């Protein structure tokens, strides 16, 4: 028997042809796992994280010197 990836509770058996297998027992567990992976709880959007990553890479390469 499969268990919820977040809390470990046993998951009901999926019906044949019902689509994807269940991973979480409730939407609350799904949201908790999302936040644990660094989603909404990080307080930033994907665009903000990408911009910060690009800026950090540019700073390490010394490319920010010409913006002074």
C-alpha atoms as a PDB file:
ATOM      1  CA  UNK A   1       0.000   0.000   0.000  1.00  0.00           C
ATOM      2  CA  UNK A   2       1.303   3.451  -0.900  1.00  0.00           C
ATOM      3  CA  UNK A   3       1.742   6.259   1.643  1.00  0.00           C
ATOM      4  CA  UNK A   4       1.420  10.052   1.448  1.00  0.00           C
ATOM      5  CA  UNK A   5       4.784  11.592   0.528  1.00  0.00           C
ATOM      6  CA  UNK A   6       4.341  14.303   3.178  1.00  0.00           C
ATOM      7  CA  UNK A   7       2.732  12.744   6.254  1.00  0.00           C
ATOM      8  CA  UNK A   8       3.007   9.004   5.603  1.00  0.00           C
ATOM      9  CA  UNK A   9      -0.723   8.294   5.893  1.00  0.00           C
ATOM     10  CA  UNK A  10      -1.883   5.320   3.836  1.00  0.00           C
ATOM     11  CA  UNK A  11      -3.373   6.305   0.480  1.00  0.00           C
ATOM     12  CA  UNK A  12      -6.501   4.662  -0.915  1.00  0.00           C
ATOM     13  CA  UNK A  13      -6.035   2.211  -3.744  1.00  0.00           C
ATOM     14  CA  UNK A  14      -6.400   3.969  -7.103  1.00  0.00           C
ATOM     15  CA  UNK A  15      -9.141   2.799  -9.420  1.00  0.00           C
ATOM     16  CA  UNK A  16      -7.974   1.189 -12.687  1.00  0.00           C
ATOM     17  CA  UNK A  17      -7.755   3.808 -15.433  1.00  0.00           C
ATOM     18  CA  UNK A  18      -8.216   6.660 -12.940  1.00  0.00           C
ATOM     19  CA  UNK A  19      -5.175   8.605 -14.178  1.00  0.00           C
ATOM     20  CA  UNK A  20      -2.138   9.460 -12.093  1.00  0.00           C
ATOM     21  CA  UNK A  21      -1.362   7.680  -8.860  1.00  0.00           C
ATOM     22  CA  UNK A  22      -1.984   9.689  -5.702  1.00  0.00           C
ATOM     23  CA  UNK A  23       1.097  11.180  -4.062  1.00  0.00           C
ATOM     24  CA  UNK A  24      -0.514  13.169  -1.213  1.00  0.00           C
ATOM     25  CA  UNK A  25      -3.514  12.291   0.955  1.00  0.00           C
ATOM     26  CA  UNK A  26      -4.981  15.827   1.070  1.00  0.00           C
ATOM     27  CA  UNK A  27      -4.520  19.211  -0.591  1.00  0.00           C
ATOM     28  CA  UNK A  28      -3.029  20.409   2.725  1.00  0.00           C
ATOM     29  CA  UNK A  29      -0.218  17.846   2.447  1.00  0.00           C
ATOM     30  CA  UNK A  30       0.369  18.821  -1.187  1.00  0.00           C
ATOM     31  CA  UNK A  31       0.650  22.511  -0.197  1.00  0.00           C
ATOM     32  CA  UNK A  32       2.954  21.712   2.740  1.00  0.00           C
ATOM     33  CA  UNK A  33       5.263  19.763   0.423  1.00  0.00           C
ATOM     34  CA  UNK A  34       5.252  22.630  -2.107  1.00  0.00           C
ATOM     35  CA  UNK A  35       6.265  25.097   0.582  1.00  0.00           C
ATOM     36  CA  UNK A  36       8.918  22.734   1.915  1.00  0.00           C
ATOM     37  CA  UNK A  37      10.439  22.597  -1.594  1.00  0.00           C
ATOM     38  CA  UNK A  38      10.866  26.394  -1.520  1.00  0.00           C
ATOM     39  CA  UNK A  39       7.747  27.585  -3.301  1.00  0.00           C
ATOM     40  CA  UNK A  40       5.468  30.216  -1.882  1.00  0.00           C
ATOM     41  CA  UNK A  41       6.984  30.089   1.601  1.00  0.00           C
ATOM     42  CA  UNK A  42      10.243  31.553   0.261  1.00  0.00           C
ATOM     43  CA  UNK A  43       8.455  34.884  -0.220  1.00  0.00           C
ATOM     44  CA  UNK A  44       9.700  35.364  -3.780  1.00  0.00           C
ATOM     45  CA  UNK A  45       8.359  34.602  -7.215  1.00  0.00           C
ATOM     46  CA  UNK A  46      10.192  32.485  -9.759  1.00  0.00           C
ATOM     47  CA  UNK A  47      11.122  35.617 -11.722  1.00  0.00           C
ATOM     48  CA  UNK A  48      12.656  37.219  -8.638  1.00  0.00           C
ATOM     49  CA  UNK A  49      14.698  34.089  -7.872  1.00  0.00           C
ATOM     50  CA  UNK A  50      15.916  33.909 -11.491  1.00  0.00           C
ATOM     51  CA  UNK A  51      16.908  37.594 -11.465  1.00  0.00           C
ATOM     52  CA  UNK A  52      18.801  37.143  -8.190  1.00  0.00           C
ATOM     53  CA  UNK A  53      20.599  34.097  -9.607  1.00  0.00           C
ATOM     54  CA  UNK A  54      21.624  35.997 -12.763  1.00  0.00           C
ATOM     55  CA  UNK A  55      22.842  38.952 -10.699  1.00  0.00           C
ATOM     56  CA  UNK A  56      24.904  36.673  -8.465  1.00  0.00           C
ATOM     57  CA  UNK A  57      26.471  34.988 -11.489  1.00  0.00           C
ATOM     58  CA  UNK A  58      27.260  38.364 -13.079  1.00  0.00           C
ATOM     59  CA  UNK A  59      28.825  39.616  -9.847  1.00  0.00           C
ATOM     60  CA  UNK A  60      31.082  36.582  -9.606  1.00  0.00           C
ATOM     61  CA  UNK A  61      32.264  37.079 -13.182  1.00  0.00           C
ATOM     62  CA  UNK A  62      33.057  40.762 -12.548  1.00  0.00           C
ATOM     63  CA  UNK A  63      30.534  41.997 -15.098  1.00  0.00           C
ATOM     64  CA  UNK A  64      28.936  44.474 -12.672  1.00  0.00           C
ATOM     65  CA  UNK A  65      32.008  46.750 -12.782  1.00  0.00           C
ATOM     66  CA  UNK A  66      30.875  48.527 -15.967  1.00  0.00           C
ATOM     67  CA  UNK A  67      27.564  49.593 -14.349  1.00  0.00           C
ATOM     68  CA  UNK A  68      29.232  51.945 -11.849  1.00  0.00           C
END
